[in-house]
Amino acid sequence: MKLNRIKTVLSEKGISQTWLAKQLDKSFSMVNAYTCNRIQPNLETLQRIAEILQIDLKDLITDKKERLQ
C-alpha cells in the first residue's frame, strides 16, 4: 500500500534519494525506506521533505488529480 508519494515526486523532479538523504541529514537507508513505503516519516520530516522539494505537503500524500476527483 502506497502511503506517500516521495518516490514519485523525486522521479518527477529528477532528484536522487542520495541527494535527499544528504539534505535531510539522514542515511540513504532511511530515505529509501520512506520512498519504498516500508517506514513512514513523521509529520515534521514529511514537512521538511516538502520544503526541500519545494512542493505542497499534500503532494507528498496524494496526487493533485486524485484530490480533484
C-alpha atoms as a PDB file:
ATOM      1  CA  MET A   1       0.000   0.000   0.000  1.00  0.00           C
ATOM      2  CA  LYS A   2       1.377   3.377  -1.021  1.00  0.00           C
ATOM      3  CA  LEU A   3       1.090   5.805   1.859  1.00  0.00           C
ATOM      4  CA  ASN A   4       3.343   8.520   0.455  1.00  0.00           C
ATOM      5  CA  ARG A   5       4.447   9.757  -2.960  1.00  0.00           C
ATOM      6  CA  ILE A   6       8.061  10.625  -2.145  1.00  0.00           C
ATOM      7  CA  LYS A   7       9.495   8.225  -4.735  1.00  0.00           C
ATOM      8  CA  THR A   8       7.148   9.530  -7.434  1.00  0.00           C
ATOM      9  CA  VAL A   9       7.932  13.178  -6.686  1.00  0.00           C
ATOM     10  CA  LEU A  10      11.679  12.507  -6.673  1.00  0.00           C
ATOM     11  CA  SER A  11      11.345  10.791 -10.043  1.00  0.00           C
ATOM     12  CA  GLU A  12       9.246  13.624 -11.485  1.00  0.00           C
ATOM     13  CA  LYS A  13      11.850  16.169 -10.358  1.00  0.00           C
ATOM     14  CA  GLY A  14      14.858  14.070 -11.378  1.00  0.00           C
ATOM     15  CA  ILE A  15      16.223  14.054  -7.821  1.00  0.00           C
ATOM     16  CA  SER A  16      18.041  11.108  -6.292  1.00  0.00           C
ATOM     17  CA  GLN A  17      17.346   9.518  -2.934  1.00  0.00           C
ATOM     18  CA  THR A  18      21.011  10.066  -2.086  1.00  0.00           C
ATOM     19  CA  TRP A  19      20.652  13.822  -2.594  1.00  0.00           C
ATOM     20  CA  LEU A  20      17.506  13.936  -0.457  1.00  0.00           C
ATOM     21  CA  ALA A  21      19.216  11.916   2.271  1.00  0.00           C
ATOM     22  CA  LYS A  22      22.047  14.466   2.394  1.00  0.00           C
ATOM     23  CA  GLN A  23      19.583  17.369   2.558  1.00  0.00           C
ATOM     24  CA  LEU A  24      17.690  15.706   5.414  1.00  0.00           C
ATOM     25  CA  ASP A  25      20.894  14.636   7.188  1.00  0.00           C
ATOM     26  CA  LYS A  26      19.560  11.075   7.236  1.00  0.00           C
ATOM     27  CA  SER A  27      21.018   7.830   5.953  1.00  0.00           C
ATOM     28  CA  PHE A  28      20.295   6.625   2.441  1.00  0.00           C
ATOM     29  CA  SER A  29      18.731   3.516   4.010  1.00  0.00           C
ATOM     30  CA  MET A  30      16.208   5.618   5.944  1.00  0.00           C
ATOM     31  CA  VAL A  31      15.240   7.701   2.902  1.00  0.00           C
ATOM     32  CA  ASN A  32      14.981   4.525   0.830  1.00  0.00           C
ATOM     33  CA  ALA A  33      12.625   3.070   3.463  1.00  0.00           C
ATOM     34  CA  TYR A  34      10.480   6.232   3.175  1.00  0.00           C
ATOM     35  CA  THR A  35      10.398   6.105  -0.615  1.00  0.00           C
ATOM     36  CA  CYS A  36       9.550   2.389  -0.688  1.00  0.00           C
ATOM     37  CA  ASN A  37       6.827   2.906   1.938  1.00  0.00           C
ATOM     38  CA  ARG A  38       8.440   0.455   4.363  1.00  0.00           C
ATOM     39  CA  ILE A  39       8.600   3.215   7.001  1.00  0.00           C
ATOM     40  CA  GLN A  40       6.542   6.386   7.108  1.00  0.00           C
ATOM     41  CA  PRO A  41       8.269   9.643   8.016  1.00  0.00           C
ATOM     42  CA  ASN A  42       6.776  11.611  10.863  1.00  0.00           C
ATOM     43  CA  LEU A  43       4.877  14.773  10.010  1.00  0.00           C
ATOM     44  CA  GLU A  44       7.847  17.031  10.784  1.00  0.00           C
ATOM     45  CA  THR A  45      10.086  15.065   8.402  1.00  0.00           C
ATOM     46  CA  LEU A  46       7.385  14.975   5.744  1.00  0.00           C
ATOM     47  CA  GLN A  47       7.056  18.780   6.001  1.00  0.00           C
ATOM     48  CA  ARG A  48      10.838  19.140   5.734  1.00  0.00           C
ATOM     49  CA  ILE A  49      10.874  16.952   2.612  1.00  0.00           C
ATOM     50  CA  ALA A  50       8.123  19.093   1.087  1.00  0.00           C
ATOM     51  CA  GLU A  51      10.131  22.254   1.801  1.00  0.00           C
ATOM     52  CA  ILE A  52      13.317  20.779   0.338  1.00  0.00           C
ATOM     53  CA  LEU A  53      11.479  19.643  -2.790  1.00  0.00           C
ATOM     54  CA  GLN A  54       9.575  22.950  -2.942  1.00  0.00           C
ATOM     55  CA  ILE A  55       6.164  21.342  -3.129  1.00  0.00           C
ATOM     56  CA  ASP A  56       2.967  21.394  -1.111  1.00  0.00           C
ATOM     57  CA  LEU A  57       2.920  18.840   1.704  1.00  0.00           C
ATOM     58  CA  LYS A  58      -0.333  17.446   0.289  1.00  0.00           C
ATOM     59  CA  ASP A  59       1.514  16.484  -2.907  1.00  0.00           C
ATOM     60  CA  LEU A  60       3.619  14.022  -0.915  1.00  0.00           C
ATOM     61  CA  ILE A  61       0.492  12.243   0.262  1.00  0.00           C
ATOM     62  CA  THR A  62      -1.942  12.362  -2.650  1.00  0.00           C
ATOM     63  CA  ASP A  63      -1.774  13.232  -6.318  1.00  0.00           C
ATOM     64  CA  LYS A  64      -3.406  16.557  -7.246  1.00  0.00           C
ATOM     65  CA  LYS A  65      -5.543  14.712  -9.799  1.00  0.00           C
ATOM     66  CA  GLU A  66      -6.858  12.390  -7.105  1.00  0.00           C
ATOM     67  CA  ARG A  67      -7.810  15.351  -4.897  1.00  0.00           C
ATOM     68  CA  LEU A  68      -9.783  16.982  -7.730  1.00  0.00           C
ATOM     69  CA  GLN A  69     -11.994  13.962  -8.338  1.00  0.00           C
END
